[in-house]
Amino acid sequence: MRLDDPWDETTVTGWGDPEGAGGIAADGRPRSADRSRQSAAEIYLEVQSSPVFREVRRRYRRFVAPATTAFLLWYLAYVIAATTAPDLMARPVAGAVNVAMVAGLGQFLTTFLLTWAYVRHARLHRDRAALELRWETQEMTRGADR
């Protein structure tokens, strides 16, 4: 487990390294001269075309696209029902609470539920791979474009 902060920008910029020093990679091996000559743009394009990056993006899209579609359909159903079926929406459920109020509160509930599901999915299926990509990119870009 790494204890240093991967989001610390001083590490990315290479602050503290002598100008032009190749440095040591995370695995302890000296950085290659080829890596230090690559521009940051080339490194990011290389990472973007990597199978790990594509897998992180695929997992993201496989969750977000259906979840967004389902939520928008649920929202549109609520709006359409409110405008086209006022008698249904005015039907009392308990006391002064009617179907429209229950459906409106359901919108809030599904928003929180969807947020919880997204955070859980990211933590279980994407965060570790994305953090590893961040480490690799950070190591590769140290010394690039100096």
N, C-alpha and C. Protein backbone atom coordinates (compact mmCIF):
# COMPACT_ATOMS: atom_id res chain seq x y z
N MET A 1 0.84 -1.18 0.00
CA MET A 1 0.00 0.00 0.00
C MET A 1 0.88 1.24 0.00
N ARG A 2 0.55 2.19 -0.85
CA ARG A 2 1.33 3.42 -0.92
C ARG A 2 0.76 4.44 0.06
N LEU A 3 1.63 5.12 0.74
CA LEU A 3 1.19 6.09 1.74
C LEU A 3 1.30 7.52 1.27
N ASP A 4 2.06 7.78 0.20
CA ASP A 4 2.16 9.14 -0.28
C ASP A 4 0.90 9.49 -1.09
N ASP A 5 0.66 10.73 -1.27
CA ASP A 5 -0.57 11.22 -1.87
C ASP A 5 -0.46 11.26 -3.39
N PRO A 6 -1.28 10.45 -4.12
CA PRO A 6 -1.19 10.45 -5.57
C PRO A 6 -1.74 11.73 -6.20
N TRP A 7 -2.51 12.50 -5.45
CA TRP A 7 -3.11 13.71 -6.01
C TRP A 7 -2.25 14.95 -5.72
N ASP A 8 -1.13 14.76 -5.05
CA ASP A 8 -0.24 15.87 -4.73
C ASP A 8 0.44 16.36 -6.00
N GLU A 9 0.20 17.60 -6.35
CA GLU A 9 0.71 18.13 -7.61
C GLU A 9 2.22 18.36 -7.59
N THR A 10 2.84 18.47 -6.42
CA THR A 10 4.28 18.68 -6.41
C THR A 10 5.00 17.45 -6.94
N THR A 11 4.40 16.27 -6.74
CA THR A 11 5.01 15.06 -7.26
C THR A 11 4.89 15.00 -8.77
N VAL A 12 3.78 15.46 -9.30
CA VAL A 12 3.56 15.44 -10.74
C VAL A 12 4.51 16.40 -11.44
N THR A 13 4.70 17.56 -10.87
CA THR A 13 5.54 18.56 -11.52
C THR A 13 7.01 18.25 -11.37
N GLY A 14 7.35 17.34 -10.49
CA GLY A 14 8.74 16.98 -10.30
C GLY A 14 9.48 17.95 -9.41
N TRP A 15 8.76 18.69 -8.58
CA TRP A 15 9.38 19.65 -7.68
C TRP A 15 10.38 18.93 -6.80
N GLY A 16 11.54 19.46 -6.67
CA GLY A 16 12.56 18.85 -5.84
C GLY A 16 13.54 18.00 -6.62
N ASP A 17 13.19 17.60 -7.85
CA ASP A 17 14.11 16.83 -8.68
C ASP A 17 15.06 17.80 -9.38
N PRO A 18 16.34 17.45 -9.49
CA PRO A 18 17.25 18.30 -10.25
C PRO A 18 16.80 18.37 -11.70
N GLU A 19 17.01 19.49 -12.31
CA GLU A 19 16.61 19.70 -13.71
C GLU A 19 17.24 18.63 -14.59
N GLY A 20 16.38 17.96 -15.36
CA GLY A 20 16.85 16.97 -16.31
C GLY A 20 17.13 15.61 -15.72
N ALA A 21 16.92 15.43 -14.41
CA ALA A 21 17.18 14.11 -13.81
C ALA A 21 16.08 13.16 -14.21
N GLY A 22 16.45 11.97 -14.57
CA GLY A 22 15.47 10.97 -14.97
C GLY A 22 14.68 10.46 -13.78
N GLY A 23 15.34 10.32 -12.64
CA GLY A 23 14.65 9.86 -11.44
C GLY A 23 14.48 8.36 -11.42
N ILE A 24 13.78 7.90 -10.42
CA ILE A 24 13.55 6.48 -10.21
C ILE A 24 12.05 6.22 -10.35
N ALA A 25 11.68 5.19 -11.08
CA ALA A 25 10.28 4.83 -11.26
C ALA A 25 9.74 4.20 -9.97
N ALA A 26 8.42 4.04 -9.89
CA ALA A 26 7.78 3.49 -8.69
C ALA A 26 8.26 2.09 -8.37
N ASP A 27 8.65 1.32 -9.38
CA ASP A 27 9.11 -0.04 -9.13
C ASP A 27 10.59 -0.10 -8.77
N GLY A 28 11.24 1.05 -8.63
CA GLY A 28 12.63 1.10 -8.20
C GLY A 28 13.65 1.12 -9.33
N ARG A 29 13.20 0.93 -10.57
CA ARG A 29 14.13 0.94 -11.70
C ARG A 29 14.33 2.38 -12.18
N PRO A 30 15.51 2.68 -12.73
CA PRO A 30 15.72 4.01 -13.28
C PRO A 30 14.80 4.26 -14.47
N ARG A 31 14.33 5.48 -14.58
CA ARG A 31 13.47 5.82 -15.71
C ARG A 31 14.27 5.80 -16.98
N SER A 32 13.62 5.37 -18.05
CA SER A 32 14.31 5.31 -19.33
C SER A 32 14.41 6.71 -19.93
N ALA A 33 15.41 6.89 -20.76
CA ALA A 33 15.60 8.18 -21.43
C ALA A 33 14.45 8.45 -22.39
N ASP A 34 13.90 7.39 -22.98
CA ASP A 34 12.79 7.56 -23.92
C ASP A 34 11.59 8.20 -23.23
N ARG A 35 11.26 7.75 -22.00
CA ARG A 35 10.13 8.27 -21.26
C ARG A 35 10.30 9.75 -20.96
N SER A 36 11.53 10.15 -20.60
CA SER A 36 11.74 11.55 -20.25
C SER A 36 11.70 12.45 -21.48
N ARG A 37 11.84 11.87 -22.66
CA ARG A 37 11.78 12.67 -23.89
C ARG A 37 10.37 12.77 -24.45
N GLN A 38 9.44 11.94 -23.94
CA GLN A 38 8.07 12.02 -24.40
C GLN A 38 7.41 13.25 -23.81
N SER A 39 6.54 13.86 -24.60
CA SER A 39 5.79 14.99 -24.06
C SER A 39 4.64 14.46 -23.21
N ALA A 40 4.11 15.31 -22.38
CA ALA A 40 2.99 14.90 -21.53
C ALA A 40 1.80 14.49 -22.39
N ALA A 41 1.57 15.18 -23.50
CA ALA A 41 0.45 14.84 -24.39
C ALA A 41 0.60 13.44 -24.94
N GLU A 42 1.81 13.08 -25.34
CA GLU A 42 2.06 11.73 -25.87
C GLU A 42 1.82 10.68 -24.79
N ILE A 43 2.23 10.99 -23.58
CA ILE A 43 2.03 10.05 -22.47
C ILE A 43 0.55 9.87 -22.18
N TYR A 44 -0.21 10.96 -22.15
CA TYR A 44 -1.64 10.85 -21.88
C TYR A 44 -2.36 10.11 -23.01
N LEU A 45 -1.94 10.31 -24.24
CA LEU A 45 -2.54 9.57 -25.36
C LEU A 45 -2.22 8.08 -25.25
N GLU A 46 -1.02 7.76 -24.81
CA GLU A 46 -0.63 6.36 -24.60
C GLU A 46 -1.49 5.73 -23.51
N VAL A 47 -1.68 6.45 -22.42
CA VAL A 47 -2.51 5.93 -21.33
C VAL A 47 -3.96 5.78 -21.80
N GLN A 48 -4.44 6.75 -22.56
CA GLN A 48 -5.81 6.72 -23.04
C GLN A 48 -6.06 5.51 -23.95
N SER A 49 -5.07 5.07 -24.67
CA SER A 49 -5.25 3.92 -25.56
C SER A 49 -4.96 2.59 -24.86
N SER A 50 -4.62 2.64 -23.57
CA SER A 50 -4.30 1.41 -22.85
C SER A 50 -5.58 0.61 -22.54
N PRO A 51 -5.45 -0.71 -22.45
CA PRO A 51 -6.61 -1.55 -22.13
C PRO A 51 -7.21 -1.25 -20.75
N VAL A 52 -6.37 -0.87 -19.79
CA VAL A 52 -6.88 -0.56 -18.44
C VAL A 52 -7.77 0.67 -18.47
N PHE A 53 -7.34 1.71 -19.19
CA PHE A 53 -8.13 2.93 -19.29
C PHE A 53 -9.45 2.64 -20.00
N ARG A 54 -9.39 1.87 -21.08
CA ARG A 54 -10.62 1.53 -21.80
C ARG A 54 -11.58 0.73 -20.91
N GLU A 55 -11.04 -0.14 -20.06
CA GLU A 55 -11.88 -0.91 -19.16
C GLU A 55 -12.54 -0.01 -18.11
N VAL A 56 -11.81 0.94 -17.58
CA VAL A 56 -12.38 1.88 -16.60
C VAL A 56 -13.51 2.68 -17.26
N ARG A 57 -13.27 3.15 -18.47
CA ARG A 57 -14.31 3.91 -19.19
C ARG A 57 -15.53 3.03 -19.51
N ARG A 58 -15.27 1.78 -19.91
CA ARG A 58 -16.36 0.86 -20.23
C ARG A 58 -17.22 0.61 -18.99
N ARG A 59 -16.60 0.38 -17.85
CA ARG A 59 -17.35 0.16 -16.61
C ARG A 59 -18.15 1.39 -16.22
N TYR A 60 -17.57 2.56 -16.43
CA TYR A 60 -18.28 3.81 -16.14
C TYR A 60 -19.53 3.93 -17.02
N ARG A 61 -19.33 3.73 -18.32
CA ARG A 61 -20.47 3.87 -19.24
C ARG A 61 -21.54 2.81 -19.01
N ARG A 62 -21.14 1.59 -18.65
CA ARG A 62 -22.11 0.52 -18.42
C ARG A 62 -22.98 0.80 -17.20
N PHE A 63 -22.52 1.61 -16.29
CA PHE A 63 -23.37 1.98 -15.15
C PHE A 63 -24.15 3.27 -15.45
N VAL A 64 -23.46 4.28 -15.94
CA VAL A 64 -24.06 5.60 -16.07
C VAL A 64 -25.16 5.66 -17.13
N ALA A 65 -24.95 5.05 -18.28
CA ALA A 65 -25.95 5.13 -19.36
C ALA A 65 -27.29 4.53 -18.93
N PRO A 66 -27.36 3.30 -18.42
CA PRO A 66 -28.67 2.78 -18.01
C PRO A 66 -29.27 3.53 -16.82
N ALA A 67 -28.42 3.93 -15.87
CA ALA A 67 -28.94 4.64 -14.70
C ALA A 67 -29.53 5.99 -15.10
N THR A 68 -28.84 6.70 -15.96
CA THR A 68 -29.34 8.00 -16.42
C THR A 68 -30.63 7.83 -17.21
N THR A 69 -30.66 6.85 -18.09
CA THR A 69 -31.87 6.59 -18.89
C THR A 69 -33.05 6.25 -17.99
N ALA A 70 -32.86 5.37 -17.03
CA ALA A 70 -33.93 4.98 -16.11
C ALA A 70 -34.43 6.18 -15.31
N PHE A 71 -33.49 6.99 -14.81
CA PHE A 71 -33.91 8.13 -14.01
C PHE A 71 -34.67 9.15 -14.86
N LEU A 72 -34.18 9.43 -16.07
CA LEU A 72 -34.88 10.39 -16.93
C LEU A 72 -36.27 9.88 -17.32
N LEU A 73 -36.40 8.59 -17.59
CA LEU A 73 -37.72 8.03 -17.90
C LEU A 73 -38.66 8.15 -16.70
N TRP A 74 -38.17 7.89 -15.51
CA TRP A 74 -38.96 8.02 -14.29
C TRP A 74 -39.40 9.48 -14.09
N TYR A 75 -38.47 10.41 -14.33
CA TYR A 75 -38.81 11.83 -14.19
C TYR A 75 -39.84 12.25 -15.24
N LEU A 76 -39.63 11.84 -16.48
CA LEU A 76 -40.59 12.19 -17.54
C LEU A 76 -41.96 11.57 -17.28
N ALA A 77 -42.00 10.35 -16.76
CA ALA A 77 -43.28 9.72 -16.42
C ALA A 77 -44.00 10.54 -15.35
N TYR A 78 -43.27 11.05 -14.40
CA TYR A 78 -43.87 11.88 -13.35
C TYR A 78 -44.44 13.17 -13.94
N VAL A 79 -43.66 13.83 -14.79
CA VAL A 79 -44.12 15.10 -15.40
C VAL A 79 -45.31 14.86 -16.31
N ILE A 80 -45.24 13.82 -17.12
CA ILE A 80 -46.35 13.53 -18.04
C ILE A 80 -47.61 13.15 -17.27
N ALA A 81 -47.46 12.34 -16.24
CA ALA A 81 -48.62 11.97 -15.43
C ALA A 81 -49.22 13.19 -14.74
N ALA A 82 -48.37 14.10 -14.28
CA ALA A 82 -48.86 15.31 -13.60
C ALA A 82 -49.64 16.20 -14.56
N THR A 83 -49.25 16.22 -15.82
CA THR A 83 -49.94 17.12 -16.78
C THR A 83 -51.10 16.44 -17.49
N THR A 84 -51.04 15.14 -17.71
CA THR A 84 -52.09 14.48 -18.49
C THR A 84 -53.11 13.73 -17.63
N ALA A 85 -52.77 13.41 -16.40
CA ALA A 85 -53.69 12.66 -15.54
C ALA A 85 -53.82 13.33 -14.18
N PRO A 86 -54.39 14.54 -14.16
CA PRO A 86 -54.49 15.24 -12.88
C PRO A 86 -55.39 14.52 -11.87
N ASP A 87 -56.40 13.79 -12.36
CA ASP A 87 -57.26 13.06 -11.43
C ASP A 87 -56.50 11.95 -10.71
N LEU A 88 -55.63 11.25 -11.46
CA LEU A 88 -54.82 10.20 -10.85
C LEU A 88 -53.86 10.79 -9.82
N MET A 89 -53.22 11.88 -10.18
CA MET A 89 -52.24 12.49 -9.29
C MET A 89 -52.90 13.12 -8.05
N ALA A 90 -54.17 13.50 -8.16
CA ALA A 90 -54.88 14.11 -7.03
C ALA A 90 -55.50 13.07 -6.10
N ARG A 91 -55.45 11.81 -6.47
CA ARG A 91 -56.05 10.76 -5.65
C ARG A 91 -55.34 10.70 -4.29
N PRO A 92 -56.12 10.78 -3.20
CA PRO A 92 -55.51 10.75 -1.87
C PRO A 92 -54.92 9.37 -1.55
N VAL A 93 -53.78 9.40 -0.85
CA VAL A 93 -53.14 8.17 -0.41
C VAL A 93 -53.36 8.00 1.09
N ALA A 94 -53.06 9.04 1.83
CA ALA A 94 -53.27 9.03 3.28
C ALA A 94 -53.51 10.46 3.73
N GLY A 95 -54.71 10.77 4.14
CA GLY A 95 -55.04 12.12 4.60
C GLY A 95 -54.89 13.11 3.46
N ALA A 96 -54.07 14.15 3.69
CA ALA A 96 -53.86 15.18 2.67
C ALA A 96 -52.78 14.80 1.67
N VAL A 97 -52.12 13.69 1.87
CA VAL A 97 -51.05 13.24 0.97
C VAL A 97 -51.67 12.52 -0.22
N ASN A 98 -51.32 13.01 -1.42
CA ASN A 98 -51.87 12.40 -2.63
C ASN A 98 -50.77 11.71 -3.45
N VAL A 99 -51.16 11.10 -4.55
CA VAL A 99 -50.23 10.36 -5.40
C VAL A 99 -49.11 11.26 -5.91
N ALA A 100 -49.42 12.50 -6.29
CA ALA A 100 -48.41 13.43 -6.80
C ALA A 100 -47.34 13.71 -5.74
N MET A 101 -47.77 13.88 -4.49
CA MET A 101 -46.79 14.14 -3.42
C MET A 101 -45.90 12.92 -3.19
N VAL A 102 -46.48 11.74 -3.21
CA VAL A 102 -45.70 10.52 -3.03
C VAL A 102 -44.70 10.36 -4.18
N ALA A 103 -45.16 10.59 -5.41
CA ALA A 103 -44.27 10.48 -6.58
C ALA A 103 -43.18 11.55 -6.54
N GLY A 104 -43.52 12.75 -6.11
CA GLY A 104 -42.53 13.83 -5.99
C GLY A 104 -41.47 13.50 -4.95
N LEU A 105 -41.90 12.97 -3.81
CA LEU A 105 -40.93 12.54 -2.79
C LEU A 105 -40.11 11.35 -3.30
N GLY A 106 -40.74 10.53 -4.13
CA GLY A 106 -40.02 9.41 -4.74
C GLY A 106 -38.90 9.88 -5.65
N GLN A 107 -39.08 11.05 -6.26
CA GLN A 107 -38.01 11.63 -7.09
C GLN A 107 -36.79 11.93 -6.23
N PHE A 108 -37.02 12.52 -5.08
CA PHE A 108 -35.90 12.80 -4.16
C PHE A 108 -35.25 11.51 -3.68
N LEU A 109 -36.07 10.55 -3.31
CA LEU A 109 -35.55 9.28 -2.83
C LEU A 109 -34.69 8.60 -3.90
N THR A 110 -35.17 8.56 -5.13
CA THR A 110 -34.39 7.91 -6.19
C THR A 110 -33.11 8.68 -6.50
N THR A 111 -33.11 9.99 -6.32
CA THR A 111 -31.88 10.76 -6.52
C THR A 111 -30.82 10.33 -5.51
N PHE A 112 -31.20 10.23 -4.25
CA PHE A 112 -30.25 9.80 -3.23
C PHE A 112 -29.84 8.35 -3.43
N LEU A 113 -30.79 7.50 -3.81
CA LEU A 113 -30.49 6.10 -4.06
C LEU A 113 -29.52 5.94 -5.23
N LEU A 114 -29.74 6.70 -6.27
CA LEU A 114 -28.87 6.65 -7.44
C LEU A 114 -27.47 7.17 -7.10
N THR A 115 -27.38 8.20 -6.30
CA THR A 115 -26.08 8.71 -5.86
C THR A 115 -25.34 7.65 -5.05
N TRP A 116 -26.03 7.01 -4.13
CA TRP A 116 -25.41 5.94 -3.33
C TRP A 116 -24.93 4.80 -4.25
N ALA A 117 -25.77 4.40 -5.21
CA ALA A 117 -25.40 3.30 -6.11
C ALA A 117 -24.20 3.68 -6.97
N TYR A 118 -24.15 4.93 -7.42
CA TYR A 118 -23.01 5.37 -8.24
C TYR A 118 -21.71 5.34 -7.43
N VAL A 119 -21.75 5.86 -6.22
CA VAL A 119 -20.55 5.88 -5.37
C VAL A 119 -20.10 4.46 -5.06
N ARG A 120 -21.03 3.58 -4.76
CA ARG A 120 -20.70 2.19 -4.46
C ARG A 120 -20.08 1.51 -5.69
N HIS A 121 -20.69 1.72 -6.85
CA HIS A 121 -20.17 1.12 -8.09
C HIS A 121 -18.77 1.64 -8.39
N ALA A 122 -18.56 2.93 -8.23
CA ALA A 122 -17.23 3.51 -8.49
C ALA A 122 -16.20 2.92 -7.53
N ARG A 123 -16.56 2.82 -6.27
CA ARG A 123 -15.62 2.29 -5.27
C ARG A 123 -15.28 0.83 -5.54
N LEU A 124 -16.26 0.03 -5.92
CA LEU A 124 -16.03 -1.40 -6.11
C LEU A 124 -15.45 -1.76 -7.47
N HIS A 125 -15.76 -0.97 -8.51
CA HIS A 125 -15.43 -1.39 -9.86
C HIS A 125 -14.46 -0.49 -10.62
N ARG A 126 -14.22 0.75 -10.15
CA ARG A 126 -13.39 1.64 -10.95
C ARG A 126 -12.29 2.34 -10.18
N ASP A 127 -12.47 2.65 -8.93
CA ASP A 127 -11.52 3.49 -8.21
C ASP A 127 -10.11 2.93 -8.16
N ARG A 128 -9.97 1.65 -7.89
CA ARG A 128 -8.63 1.06 -7.77
C ARG A 128 -7.88 1.14 -9.10
N ALA A 129 -8.55 0.77 -10.20
CA ALA A 129 -7.91 0.83 -11.52
C ALA A 129 -7.60 2.27 -11.91
N ALA A 130 -8.52 3.19 -11.61
CA ALA A 130 -8.28 4.60 -11.94
C ALA A 130 -7.12 5.16 -11.13
N LEU A 131 -7.00 4.77 -9.87
CA LEU A 131 -5.90 5.25 -9.05
C LEU A 131 -4.57 4.69 -9.56
N GLU A 132 -4.56 3.43 -9.98
CA GLU A 132 -3.34 2.86 -10.56
C GLU A 132 -2.95 3.59 -11.84
N LEU A 133 -3.94 3.94 -12.67
CA LEU A 133 -3.66 4.73 -13.87
C LEU A 133 -3.07 6.09 -13.50
N ARG A 134 -3.61 6.68 -12.46
CA ARG A 134 -3.10 7.97 -11.99
C ARG A 134 -1.64 7.84 -11.58
N TRP A 135 -1.31 6.77 -10.82
CA TRP A 135 0.07 6.57 -10.40
C TRP A 135 0.98 6.41 -11.61
N GLU A 136 0.57 5.56 -12.56
CA GLU A 136 1.40 5.32 -13.75
C GLU A 136 1.61 6.60 -14.54
N THR A 137 0.55 7.36 -14.74
CA THR A 137 0.63 8.60 -15.50
C THR A 137 1.52 9.61 -14.77
N GLN A 138 1.36 9.67 -13.47
CA GLN A 138 2.17 10.57 -12.66
C GLN A 138 3.65 10.23 -12.80
N GLU A 139 3.97 8.96 -12.74
CA GLU A 139 5.36 8.53 -12.86
C GLU A 139 5.90 8.81 -14.27
N MET A 140 5.08 8.59 -15.28
CA MET A 140 5.52 8.77 -16.65
C MET A 140 5.71 10.25 -17.01
N THR A 141 4.86 11.11 -16.44
CA THR A 141 4.93 12.53 -16.80
C THR A 141 5.96 13.29 -15.99
N ARG A 142 6.48 12.69 -14.93
CA ARG A 142 7.52 13.37 -14.17
C ARG A 142 8.71 13.58 -15.09
N GLY A 143 9.06 14.80 -15.31
CA GLY A 143 10.20 15.11 -16.16
C GLY A 143 9.82 15.38 -17.61
N ALA A 144 8.57 15.10 -18.02
CA ALA A 144 8.15 15.38 -19.38
C ALA A 144 7.89 16.87 -19.55
N ASP A 145 8.12 17.37 -20.74
CA ASP A 145 7.88 18.79 -21.09
C ASP A 145 8.63 19.76 -20.21
N ARG A 146 9.85 19.45 -19.86
CA ARG A 146 10.64 20.41 -19.06
C ARG A 146 11.41 21.32 -19.96
